[in-house]
Amino acid sequence: LKALEQENSNWSRETINTILQMSPTSLKVTLKELRKGKNM
């Protein structure tokens, strides 16, 4: 979210708004899943 704020573009603002509507737990579990899956 901080990196998106620094981007400060229409796309990054829309992405921030989308992310902030999601379940916080789901966001963190999904990020861990993506990182684990990278090497699987």
PDB file of all heavy atoms in Angstrom:
ATOM      1  N   LEU A   1       0.833  -1.214   0.000  1.00  0.00           N
ATOM      2  CA  LEU A   1       0.000   0.000   0.000  1.00  0.00           C
ATOM      3  C   LEU A   1       0.867   1.264   0.000  1.00  0.00           C
ATOM      4  O   LEU A   1       0.573   2.225  -0.713  1.00  0.00           O
ATOM      5  CB  LEU A   1      -0.960  -0.008   1.194  1.00  0.00           C
ATOM      6  CG  LEU A   1      -2.087  -1.027   1.101  1.00  0.00           C
ATOM      7  CD1 LEU A   1      -2.822  -1.152   2.442  1.00  0.00           C
ATOM      8  CD2 LEU A   1      -3.056  -0.663  -0.007  1.00  0.00           C
ATOM      9  N   LYS A   2       1.958   1.264   0.783  1.00  0.00           N
ATOM     10  CA  LYS A   2       2.861   2.417   0.805  1.00  0.00           C
ATOM     11  C   LYS A   2       3.496   2.633  -0.569  1.00  0.00           C
ATOM     12  O   LYS A   2       3.608   3.772  -1.044  1.00  0.00           O
ATOM     13  CB  LYS A   2       3.957   2.233   1.858  1.00  0.00           C
ATOM     14  CG  LYS A   2       3.473   2.407   3.270  1.00  0.00           C
ATOM     15  CD  LYS A   2       4.601   2.161   4.252  1.00  0.00           C
ATOM     16  CE  LYS A   2       4.058   2.039   5.660  1.00  0.00           C
ATOM     17  NZ  LYS A   2       5.054   1.553   6.608  1.00  0.00           N
ATOM     18  N   ALA A   3       3.923   1.545  -1.199  1.00  0.00           N
ATOM     19  CA  ALA A   3       4.527   1.661  -2.529  1.00  0.00           C
ATOM     20  C   ALA A   3       3.514   2.196  -3.537  1.00  0.00           C
ATOM     21  O   ALA A   3       3.858   3.008  -4.396  1.00  0.00           O
ATOM     22  CB  ALA A   3       5.069   0.309  -2.983  1.00  0.00           C
ATOM     23  N   LEU A   4       2.278   1.753  -3.419  1.00  0.00           N
ATOM     24  CA  LEU A   4       1.229   2.255  -4.322  1.00  0.00           C
ATOM     25  C   LEU A   4       0.974   3.740  -4.082  1.00  0.00           C
ATOM     26  O   LEU A   4       0.745   4.498  -5.028  1.00  0.00           O
ATOM     27  CB  LEU A   4      -0.065   1.452  -4.136  1.00  0.00           C
ATOM     28  CG  LEU A   4      -0.039   0.034  -4.692  1.00  0.00           C
ATOM     29  CD1 LEU A   4      -1.237  -0.762  -4.178  1.00  0.00           C
ATOM     30  CD2 LEU A   4      -0.015   0.047  -6.206  1.00  0.00           C
ATOM     31  N   GLU A   5       1.001   4.164  -2.811  1.00  0.00           N
ATOM     32  CA  GLU A   5       0.828   5.580  -2.501  1.00  0.00           C
ATOM     33  C   GLU A   5       1.951   6.409  -3.134  1.00  0.00           C
ATOM     34  O   GLU A   5       1.719   7.491  -3.667  1.00  0.00           O
ATOM     35  CB  GLU A   5       0.790   5.805  -0.986  1.00  0.00           C
ATOM     36  CG  GLU A   5      -0.495   5.325  -0.350  1.00  0.00           C
ATOM     37  CD  GLU A   5      -0.437   5.330   1.182  1.00  0.00           C
ATOM     38  OE1 GLU A   5       0.562   5.821   1.767  1.00  0.00           O
ATOM     39  OE2 GLU A   5      -1.401   4.833   1.787  1.00  0.00           O
ATOM     40  N   GLN A   6       3.178   5.882  -3.096  1.00  0.00           N
ATOM     41  CA  GLN A   6       4.311   6.590  -3.693  1.00  0.00           C
ATOM     42  C   GLN A   6       4.182   6.660  -5.211  1.00  0.00           C
ATOM     43  O   GLN A   6       4.622   7.622  -5.826  1.00  0.00           O
ATOM     44  CB  GLN A   6       5.626   5.911  -3.309  1.00  0.00           C
ATOM     45  CG  GLN A   6       5.969   6.078  -1.861  1.00  0.00           C
ATOM     46  CD  GLN A   6       7.192   5.273  -1.456  1.00  0.00           C
ATOM     47  OE1 GLN A   6       7.733   4.502  -2.243  1.00  0.00           O
ATOM     48  NE2 GLN A   6       7.625   5.453  -0.221  1.00  0.00           N
ATOM     49  N   GLU A   7       3.587   5.639  -5.802  1.00  0.00           N
ATOM     50  CA  GLU A   7       3.362   5.622  -7.259  1.00  0.00           C
ATOM     51  C   GLU A   7       2.501   6.813  -7.666  1.00  0.00           C
ATOM     52  O   GLU A   7       2.727   7.452  -8.673  1.00  0.00           O
ATOM     53  CB  GLU A   7       2.706   4.295  -7.644  1.00  0.00           C
ATOM     54  CG  GLU A   7       2.205   4.234  -9.052  1.00  0.00           C
ATOM     55  CD  GLU A   7       3.237   3.701 -10.021  1.00  0.00           C
ATOM     56  OE1 GLU A   7       4.311   3.252  -9.619  1.00  0.00           O
ATOM     57  OE2 GLU A   7       2.937   3.768 -11.212  1.00  0.00           O
ATOM     58  N   ASN A   8       1.462   7.085  -6.870  1.00  0.00           N
ATOM     59  CA  ASN A   8       0.578   8.234  -7.047  1.00  0.00           C
ATOM     60  C   ASN A   8       0.090   8.405  -8.488  1.00  0.00           C
ATOM     61  O   ASN A   8       0.213   9.458  -9.092  1.00  0.00           O
ATOM     62  CB  ASN A   8       1.252   9.515  -6.551  1.00  0.00           C
ATOM     63  CG  ASN A   8       0.228  10.630  -6.368  1.00  0.00           C
ATOM     64  OD1 ASN A   8      -0.946  10.367  -6.149  1.00  0.00           O
ATOM     65  ND2 ASN A   8       0.678  11.864  -6.475  1.00  0.00           N
ATOM     66  N   SER A   9      -0.469   7.354  -9.028  1.00  0.00           N
ATOM     67  CA  SER A   9      -1.071   7.410 -10.362  1.00  0.00           C
ATOM     68  C   SER A   9      -2.541   7.024 -10.230  1.00  0.00           C
ATOM     69  O   SER A   9      -2.980   6.574  -9.176  1.00  0.00           O
ATOM     70  CB  SER A   9      -0.368   6.423 -11.299  1.00  0.00           C
ATOM     71  OG  SER A   9      -0.606   5.090 -10.866  1.00  0.00           O
ATOM     72  N   ASN A  10      -3.306   7.224 -11.299  1.00  0.00           N
ATOM     73  CA  ASN A  10      -4.712   6.801 -11.268  1.00  0.00           C
ATOM     74  C   ASN A  10      -4.808   5.317 -10.962  1.00  0.00           C
ATOM     75  O   ASN A  10      -5.633   4.889 -10.159  1.00  0.00           O
ATOM     76  CB  ASN A  10      -5.406   7.107 -12.597  1.00  0.00           C
ATOM     77  CG  ASN A  10      -5.675   8.582 -12.773  1.00  0.00           C
ATOM     78  OD1 ASN A  10      -5.759   9.331 -11.802  1.00  0.00           O
ATOM     79  ND2 ASN A  10      -5.800   9.007 -14.019  1.00  0.00           N
ATOM     80  N   TRP A  11      -3.951   4.518 -11.627  1.00  0.00           N
ATOM     81  CA  TRP A  11      -3.966   3.074 -11.413  1.00  0.00           C
ATOM     82  C   TRP A  11      -3.673   2.735  -9.956  1.00  0.00           C
ATOM     83  O   TRP A  11      -4.355   1.909  -9.356  1.00  0.00           O
ATOM     84  CB  TRP A  11      -2.941   2.392 -12.325  1.00  0.00           C
ATOM     85  CG  TRP A  11      -2.800   0.945 -12.035  1.00  0.00           C
ATOM     86  CD1 TRP A  11      -3.580  -0.066 -12.481  1.00  0.00           C
ATOM     87  CD2 TRP A  11      -1.813   0.344 -11.175  1.00  0.00           C
ATOM     88  NE1 TRP A  11      -3.140  -1.270 -11.974  1.00  0.00           N
ATOM     89  CE2 TRP A  11      -2.053  -1.039 -11.164  1.00  0.00           C
ATOM     90  CE3 TRP A  11      -0.753   0.839 -10.435  1.00  0.00           C
ATOM     91  CZ2 TRP A  11      -1.282  -1.938 -10.440  1.00  0.00           C
ATOM     92  CZ3 TRP A  11       0.018  -0.052  -9.710  1.00  0.00           C
ATOM     93  CH2 TRP A  11      -0.256  -1.424  -9.718  1.00  0.00           C
ATOM     94  N   SER A  12      -2.656   3.377  -9.364  1.00  0.00           N
ATOM     95  CA  SER A  12      -2.295   3.038  -7.981  1.00  0.00           C
ATOM     96  C   SER A  12      -3.400   3.445  -7.007  1.00  0.00           C
ATOM     97  O   SER A  12      -3.685   2.708  -6.059  1.00  0.00           O
ATOM     98  CB  SER A  12      -0.963   3.669  -7.586  1.00  0.00           C
ATOM     99  OG  SER A  12      -1.048   5.076  -7.544  1.00  0.00           O
ATOM    100  N   ARG A  13      -4.049   4.583  -7.241  1.00  0.00           N
ATOM    101  CA  ARG A  13      -5.148   5.004  -6.364  1.00  0.00           C
ATOM    102  C   ARG A  13      -6.331   4.046  -6.469  1.00  0.00           C
ATOM    103  O   ARG A  13      -6.937   3.671  -5.462  1.00  0.00           O
ATOM    104  CB  ARG A  13      -5.562   6.438  -6.678  1.00  0.00           C
ATOM    105  CG  ARG A  13      -4.551   7.482  -6.183  1.00  0.00           C
ATOM    106  CD  ARG A  13      -5.050   8.901  -6.359  1.00  0.00           C
ATOM    107  NE  ARG A  13      -5.106   9.312  -7.749  1.00  0.00           N
ATOM    108  CZ  ARG A  13      -4.067   9.750  -8.463  1.00  0.00           C
ATOM    109  NH1 ARG A  13      -2.875   9.829  -7.905  1.00  0.00           N
ATOM    110  NH2 ARG A  13      -4.219  10.119  -9.716  1.00  0.00           N
ATOM    111  N   GLU A  14      -6.663   3.625  -7.683  1.00  0.00           N
ATOM    112  CA  GLU A  14      -7.745   2.645  -7.861  1.00  0.00           C
ATOM    113  C   GLU A  14      -7.389   1.321  -7.197  1.00  0.00           C
ATOM    114  O   GLU A  14      -8.243   0.677  -6.578  1.00  0.00           O
ATOM    115  CB  GLU A  14      -8.011   2.413  -9.349  1.00  0.00           C
ATOM    116  CG  GLU A  14      -8.676   3.579 -10.049  1.00  0.00           C
ATOM    117  CD  GLU A  14      -8.775   3.368 -11.551  1.00  0.00           C
ATOM    118  OE1 GLU A  14      -8.689   2.224 -12.029  1.00  0.00           O
ATOM    119  OE2 GLU A  14      -8.945   4.379 -12.256  1.00  0.00           O
ATOM    120  N   THR A  15      -6.137   0.914  -7.308  1.00  0.00           N
ATOM    121  CA  THR A  15      -5.686  -0.338  -6.708  1.00  0.00           C
ATOM    122  C   THR A  15      -5.757  -0.257  -5.188  1.00  0.00           C
ATOM    123  O   THR A  15      -6.211  -1.206  -4.529  1.00  0.00           O
ATOM    124  CB  THR A  15      -4.268  -0.682  -7.179  1.00  0.00           C
ATOM    125  OG1 THR A  15      -4.265  -0.767  -8.608  1.00  0.00           O
ATOM    126  CG2 THR A  15      -3.790  -1.997  -6.599  1.00  0.00           C
ATOM    127  N   ILE A  16      -5.335   0.860  -4.617  1.00  0.00           N
ATOM    128  CA  ILE A  16      -5.426   1.049  -3.161  1.00  0.00           C
ATOM    129  C   ILE A  16      -6.877   0.942  -2.712  1.00  0.00           C
ATOM    130  O   ILE A  16      -7.183   0.242  -1.735  1.00  0.00           O
ATOM    131  CB  ILE A  16      -4.822   2.408  -2.736  1.00  0.00           C
ATOM    132  CG1 ILE A  16      -3.301   2.392  -2.900  1.00  0.00           C
ATOM    133  CG2 ILE A  16      -5.208   2.753  -1.295  1.00  0.00           C
ATOM    134  CD1 ILE A  16      -2.650   3.764  -2.763  1.00  0.00           C
ATOM    135  N   ASN A  17      -7.773   1.616  -3.405  1.00  0.00           N
ATOM    136  CA  ASN A  17      -9.195   1.560  -3.041  1.00  0.00           C
ATOM    137  C   ASN A  17      -9.730   0.135  -3.107  1.00  0.00           C
ATOM    138  O   ASN A  17     -10.493  -0.289  -2.242  1.00  0.00           O
ATOM    139  CB  ASN A  17     -10.024   2.486  -3.941  1.00  0.00           C
ATOM    140  CG  ASN A  17      -9.774   3.945  -3.640  1.00  0.00           C
ATOM    141  OD1 ASN A  17      -9.386   4.298  -2.534  1.00  0.00           O
ATOM    142  ND2 ASN A  17      -9.983   4.792  -4.626  1.00  0.00           N
ATOM    143  N   THR A  18      -9.331  -0.608  -4.118  1.00  0.00           N
ATOM    144  CA  THR A  18      -9.766  -2.006  -4.246  1.00  0.00           C
ATOM    145  C   THR A  18      -9.215  -2.846  -3.101  1.00  0.00           C
ATOM    146  O   THR A  18      -9.953  -3.615  -2.470  1.00  0.00           O
ATOM    147  CB  THR A  18      -9.312  -2.588  -5.601  1.00  0.00           C
ATOM    148  OG1 THR A  18      -9.904  -1.825  -6.650  1.00  0.00           O
ATOM    149  CG2 THR A  18      -9.732  -4.048  -5.732  1.00  0.00           C
ATOM    150  N   ILE A  19      -7.930  -2.703  -2.811  1.00  0.00           N
ATOM    151  CA  ILE A  19      -7.297  -3.479  -1.741  1.00  0.00           C
ATOM    152  C   ILE A  19      -7.968  -3.201  -0.400  1.00  0.00           C
ATOM    153  O   ILE A  19      -8.247  -4.124   0.373  1.00  0.00           O
ATOM    154  CB  ILE A  19      -5.785  -3.188  -1.671  1.00  0.00           C
ATOM    155  CG1 ILE A  19      -5.078  -3.817  -2.873  1.00  0.00           C
ATOM    156  CG2 ILE A  19      -5.176  -3.688  -0.361  1.00  0.00           C
ATOM    157  CD1 ILE A  19      -3.614  -3.424  -3.012  1.00  0.00           C
ATOM    158  N   LEU A  20      -8.253  -1.929  -0.121  1.00  0.00           N
ATOM    159  CA  LEU A  20      -8.816  -1.566   1.181  1.00  0.00           C
ATOM    160  C   LEU A  20     -10.248  -2.058   1.371  1.00  0.00           C
ATOM    161  O   LEU A  20     -10.764  -2.042   2.488  1.00  0.00           O
ATOM    162  CB  LEU A  20      -8.721  -0.055   1.392  1.00  0.00           C
ATOM    163  CG  LEU A  20      -7.303   0.477   1.562  1.00  0.00           C
ATOM    164  CD1 LEU A  20      -7.299   1.993   1.689  1.00  0.00           C
ATOM    165  CD2 LEU A  20      -6.603  -0.187   2.751  1.00  0.00           C
ATOM    166  N   GLN A  21     -10.899  -2.496   0.316  1.00  0.00           N
ATOM    167  CA  GLN A  21     -12.239  -3.070   0.446  1.00  0.00           C
ATOM    168  C   GLN A  21     -12.212  -4.555   0.768  1.00  0.00           C
ATOM    169  O   GLN A  21     -13.212  -5.135   1.168  1.00  0.00           O
ATOM    170  CB  GLN A  21     -13.023  -2.840  -0.844  1.00  0.00           C
ATOM    171  CG  GLN A  21     -13.348  -1.379  -1.073  1.00  0.00           C
ATOM    172  CD  GLN A  21     -14.186  -1.184  -2.307  1.00  0.00           C
ATOM    173  OE1 GLN A  21     -15.027  -2.009  -2.623  1.00  0.00           O
ATOM    174  NE2 GLN A  21     -13.968  -0.085  -2.995  1.00  0.00           N
ATOM    175  N   MET A  22     -11.068  -5.187   0.596  1.00  0.00           N
ATOM    176  CA  MET A  22     -10.941  -6.632   0.778  1.00  0.00           C
ATOM    177  C   MET A  22     -10.756  -7.004   2.248  1.00  0.00           C
ATOM    178  O   MET A  22     -10.337  -6.197   3.057  1.00  0.00           O
ATOM    179  CB  MET A  22      -9.743  -7.164  -0.025  1.00  0.00           C
ATOM    180  CG  MET A  22      -9.774  -6.843  -1.490  1.00  0.00           C
ATOM    181  SD  MET A  22     -11.233  -7.547  -2.250  1.00  0.00           S
ATOM    182  CE  MET A  22     -11.324  -6.620  -3.746  1.00  0.00           C
ATOM    183  N   SER A  23     -11.015  -8.255   2.542  1.00  0.00           N
ATOM    184  CA  SER A  23     -10.795  -8.786   3.877  1.00  0.00           C
ATOM    185  C   SER A  23      -9.307  -8.698   4.209  1.00  0.00           C
ATOM    186  O   SER A  23      -8.468  -9.226   3.470  1.00  0.00           O
ATOM    187  CB  SER A  23     -11.247 -10.243   3.928  1.00  0.00           C
ATOM    188  OG  SER A  23     -10.614 -10.937   4.977  1.00  0.00           O
ATOM    189  N   PRO A  24      -8.949  -8.028   5.316  1.00  0.00           N
ATOM    190  CA  PRO A  24      -7.534  -7.938   5.694  1.00  0.00           C
ATOM    191  C   PRO A  24      -6.880  -9.317   5.860  1.00  0.00           C
ATOM    192  O   PRO A  24      -5.739  -9.524   5.449  1.00  0.00           O
ATOM    193  CB  PRO A  24      -7.566  -7.172   7.015  1.00  0.00           C
ATOM    194  CG  PRO A  24      -8.820  -6.370   6.943  1.00  0.00           C
ATOM    195  CD  PRO A  24      -9.803  -7.247   6.213  1.00  0.00           C
ATOM    196  N   THR A  25      -7.606 -10.246   6.437  1.00  0.00           N
ATOM    197  CA  THR A  25      -7.061 -11.595   6.602  1.00  0.00           C
ATOM    198  C   THR A  25      -6.806 -12.236   5.247  1.00  0.00           C
ATOM    199  O   THR A  25      -5.733 -12.805   5.003  1.00  0.00           O
ATOM    200  CB  THR A  25      -8.021 -12.470   7.431  1.00  0.00           C
ATOM    201  OG1 THR A  25      -8.234 -11.851   8.707  1.00  0.00           O
ATOM    202  CG2 THR A  25      -7.473 -13.872   7.625  1.00  0.00           C
ATOM    203  N   SER A  26      -7.772 -12.120   4.349  1.00  0.00           N
ATOM    204  CA  SER A  26      -7.613 -12.702   3.013  1.00  0.00           C
ATOM    205  C   SER A  26      -6.430 -12.102   2.282  1.00  0.00           C
ATOM    206  O   SER A  26      -5.694 -12.812   1.589  1.00  0.00           O
ATOM    207  CB  SER A  26      -8.881 -12.493   2.182  1.00  0.00           C
ATOM    208  OG  SER A  26      -9.963 -13.171   2.753  1.00  0.00           O
ATOM    209  N   LEU A  27      -6.230 -10.800   2.410  1.00  0.00           N
ATOM    210  CA  LEU A  27      -5.103 -10.147   1.753  1.00  0.00           C
ATOM    211  C   LEU A  27      -3.776 -10.725   2.232  1.00  0.00           C
ATOM    212  O   LEU A  27      -2.898 -11.042   1.423  1.00  0.00           O
ATOM    213  CB  LEU A  27      -5.131  -8.643   2.018  1.00  0.00           C
ATOM    214  CG  LEU A  27      -6.201  -7.854   1.283  1.00  0.00           C
ATOM    215  CD1 LEU A  27      -6.301  -6.437   1.849  1.00  0.00           C
ATOM    216  CD2 LEU A  27      -5.920  -7.819  -0.206  1.00  0.00           C
ATOM    217  N   LYS A  28      -3.634 -10.863   3.532  1.00  0.00           N
ATOM    218  CA  LYS A  28      -2.361 -11.343   4.072  1.00  0.00           C
ATOM    219  C   LYS A  28      -2.140 -12.825   3.775  1.00  0.00           C
ATOM    220  O   LYS A  28      -1.017 -13.237   3.480  1.00  0.00           O
ATOM    221  CB  LYS A  28      -2.271 -11.056   5.565  1.00  0.00           C
ATOM    222  CG  LYS A  28      -2.061  -9.568   5.838  1.00  0.00           C
ATOM    223  CD  LYS A  28      -1.689  -9.311   7.266  1.00  0.00           C
ATOM    224  CE  LYS A  28      -1.299  -7.858   7.450  1.00  0.00           C
ATOM    225  NZ  LYS A  28      -0.766  -7.602   8.789  1.00  0.00           N
ATOM    226  N   VAL A  29      -3.198 -13.612   3.838  1.00  0.00           N
ATOM    227  CA  VAL A  29      -3.063 -15.038   3.518  1.00  0.00           C
ATOM    228  C   VAL A  29      -2.706 -15.195   2.042  1.00  0.00           C
ATOM    229  O   VAL A  29      -1.841 -16.001   1.680  1.00  0.00           O
ATOM    230  CB  VAL A  29      -4.350 -15.812   3.868  1.00  0.00           C
ATOM    231  CG1 VAL A  29      -4.320 -17.230   3.310  1.00  0.00           C
ATOM    232  CG2 VAL A  29      -4.558 -15.840   5.381  1.00  0.00           C
ATOM    233  N   THR A  30      -3.342 -14.418   1.181  1.00  0.00           N
ATOM    234  CA  THR A  30      -3.076 -14.497  -0.253  1.00  0.00           C
ATOM    235  C   THR A  30      -1.645 -14.089  -0.576  1.00  0.00           C
ATOM    236  O   THR A  30      -0.977 -14.727  -1.395  1.00  0.00           O
ATOM    237  CB  THR A  30      -4.086 -13.641  -1.041  1.00  0.00           C
ATOM    238  OG1 THR A  30      -5.397 -14.109  -0.759  1.00  0.00           O
ATOM    239  CG2 THR A  30      -3.814 -13.695  -2.525  1.00  0.00           C
ATOM    240  N   LEU A  31      -1.145 -13.043   0.061  1.00  0.00           N
ATOM    241  CA  LEU A  31       0.234 -12.622  -0.175  1.00  0.00           C
ATOM    242  C   LEU A  31       1.205 -13.730   0.227  1.00  0.00           C
ATOM    243  O   LEU A  31       2.145 -14.042  -0.511  1.00  0.00           O
ATOM    244  CB  LEU A  31       0.543 -11.330   0.582  1.00  0.00           C
ATOM    245  CG  LEU A  31       1.927 -10.754   0.365  1.00  0.00           C
ATOM    246  CD1 LEU A  31       2.176 -10.431  -1.107  1.00  0.00           C
ATOM    247  CD2 LEU A  31       2.125  -9.505   1.225  1.00  0.00           C
ATOM    248  N   LYS A  32       0.953 -14.355   1.366  1.00  0.00           N
ATOM    249  CA  LYS A  32       1.816 -15.464   1.785  1.00  0.00           C
ATOM    250  C   LYS A  32       1.715 -16.613   0.782  1.00  0.00           C
ATOM    251  O   LYS A  32       2.724 -17.240   0.434  1.00  0.00           O
ATOM    252  CB  LYS A  32       1.438 -15.949   3.182  1.00  0.00           C
ATOM    253  CG  LYS A  32       2.327 -17.081   3.668  1.00  0.00           C
ATOM    254  CD  LYS A  32       2.074 -17.438   5.115  1.00  0.00           C
ATOM    255  CE  LYS A  32       3.049 -18.531   5.551  1.00  0.00           C
ATOM    256  NZ  LYS A  32       3.012 -18.734   6.989  1.00  0.00           N
ATOM    257  N   GLU A  33       0.510 -16.888   0.314  1.00  0.00           N
ATOM    258  CA  GLU A  33       0.300 -17.957  -0.667  1.00  0.00           C
ATOM    259  C   GLU A  33       1.098 -17.699  -1.940  1.00  0.00           C
ATOM    260  O   GLU A  33       1.748 -18.597  -2.479  1.00  0.00           O
ATOM    261  CB  GLU A  33      -1.177 -18.076  -0.993  1.00  0.00           C
ATOM    262  CG  GLU A  33      -1.484 -19.068  -2.078  1.00  0.00           C
ATOM    263  CD  GLU A  33      -2.933 -19.031  -2.510  1.00  0.00           C
ATOM    264  OE1 GLU A  33      -3.670 -18.100  -2.130  1.00  0.00           O
ATOM    265  OE2 GLU A  33      -3.321 -19.940  -3.256  1.00  0.00           O
ATOM    266  N   LEU A  34       1.051 -16.477  -2.441  1.00  0.00           N
ATOM    267  CA  LEU A  34       1.797 -16.131  -3.655  1.00  0.00           C
ATOM    268  C   LEU A  34       3.292 -16.318  -3.451  1.00  0.00           C
ATOM    269  O   LEU A  34       3.991 -16.814  -4.337  1.00  0.00           O
ATOM    270  CB  LEU A  34       1.489 -14.695  -4.078  1.00  0.00           C
ATOM    271  CG  LEU A  34       0.072 -14.442  -4.576  1.00  0.00           C
ATOM    272  CD1 LEU A  34      -0.182 -12.950  -4.731  1.00  0.00           C
ATOM    273  CD2 LEU A  34      -0.180 -15.183  -5.870  1.00  0.00           C
ATOM    274  N   ARG A  35       3.773 -15.918  -2.296  1.00  0.00           N
ATOM    275  CA  ARG A  35       5.204 -16.051  -2.019  1.00  0.00           C
ATOM    276  C   ARG A  35       5.607 -17.516  -1.879  1.00  0.00           C
ATOM    277  O   ARG A  35       6.662 -17.920  -2.349  1.00  0.00           O
ATOM    278  CB  ARG A  35       5.556 -15.258  -0.773  1.00  0.00           C
ATOM    279  CG  ARG A  35       5.367 -13.762  -1.046  1.00  0.00           C
ATOM    280  CD  ARG A  35       6.360 -12.940  -0.291  1.00  0.00           C
ATOM    281  NE  ARG A  35       6.340 -11.594  -0.819  1.00  0.00           N
ATOM    282  CZ  ARG A  35       5.762 -10.567  -0.204  1.00  0.00           C
ATOM    283  NH1 ARG A  35       5.179 -10.729   0.958  1.00  0.00           N
ATOM    284  NH2 ARG A  35       5.792  -9.373  -0.761  1.00  0.00           N
ATOM    285  N   LYS A  36       4.773 -18.299  -1.205  1.00  0.00           N
ATOM    286  CA  LYS A  36       5.085 -19.731  -1.068  1.00  0.00           C
ATOM    287  C   LYS A  36       5.019 -20.415  -2.432  1.00  0.00           C
ATOM    288  O   LYS A  36       5.866 -21.236  -2.758  1.00  0.00           O
ATOM    289  CB  LYS A  36       4.081 -20.403  -0.117  1.00  0.00           C
ATOM    290  CG  LYS A  36       4.308 -20.114   1.340  1.00  0.00           C
ATOM    291  CD  LYS A  36       3.262 -20.798   2.204  1.00  0.00           C
ATOM    292  CE  LYS A  36       3.365 -22.280   2.146  1.00  0.00           C
ATOM    293  NZ  LYS A  36       3.787 -22.949   3.337  1.00  0.00           N
ATOM    294  N   GLY A  37       4.000 -20.075  -3.202  1.00  0.00           N
ATOM    295  CA  GLY A  37       3.786 -20.720  -4.492  1.00  0.00           C
ATOM    296  C   GLY A  37       4.875 -20.437  -5.501  1.00  0.00           C
ATOM    297  O   GLY A  37       5.079 -21.215  -6.435  1.00  0.00           O
ATOM    298  N   LYS A  38       5.596 -19.357  -5.319  1.00  0.00           N
ATOM    299  CA  LYS A  38       6.664 -18.971  -6.246  1.00  0.00           C
ATOM    300  C   LYS A  38       7.700 -20.084  -6.407  1.00  0.00           C
ATOM    301  O   LYS A  38       8.269 -20.261  -7.479  1.00  0.00           O
ATOM    302  CB  LYS A  38       7.329 -17.688  -5.740  1.00  0.00           C
ATOM    303  CG  LYS A  38       8.477 -17.207  -6.573  1.00  0.00           C
ATOM    304  CD  LYS A  38       9.055 -15.934  -5.989  1.00  0.00           C
ATOM    305  CE  LYS A  38      10.240 -15.461  -6.800  1.00  0.00           C
ATOM    306  NZ  LYS A  38      10.832 -14.256  -6.237  1.00  0.00           N
ATOM    307  N   ASN A  39       7.922 -20.838  -5.347  1.00  0.00           N
ATOM    308  CA  ASN A  39       8.947 -21.881  -5.362  1.00  0.00           C
ATOM    309  C   ASN A  39       8.363 -23.288  -5.358  1.00  0.00           C
ATOM    310  O   ASN A  39       9.052 -24.238  -5.001  1.00  0.00           O
ATOM    311  CB  ASN A  39       9.887 -21.688  -4.164  1.00  0.00           C
ATOM    312  CG  ASN A  39      10.595 -20.361  -4.217  1.00  0.00           C
ATOM    313  OD1 ASN A  39      11.122 -19.974  -5.259  1.00  0.00           O
ATOM    314  ND2 ASN A  39      10.583 -19.643  -3.124  1.00  0.00           N
ATOM    315  N   MET A  40       7.113 -23.413  -5.738  1.00  0.00           N
ATOM    316  CA  MET A  40       6.452 -24.718  -5.725  1.00  0.00           C
ATOM    317  C   MET A  40       6.084 -25.132  -7.145  1.00  0.00           C
ATOM    318  O   MET A  40       5.913 -24.283  -8.007  1.00  0.00           O
ATOM    319  CB  MET A  40       5.175 -24.654  -4.867  1.00  0.00           C
ATOM    320  CG  MET A  40       5.432 -24.348  -3.402  1.00  0.00           C
ATOM    321  SD  MET A  40       3.935 -23.930  -2.468  1.00  0.00           S
ATOM    322  CE  MET A  40       3.017 -25.448  -2.536  1.00  0.00           C
TER     323      MET A  40
END
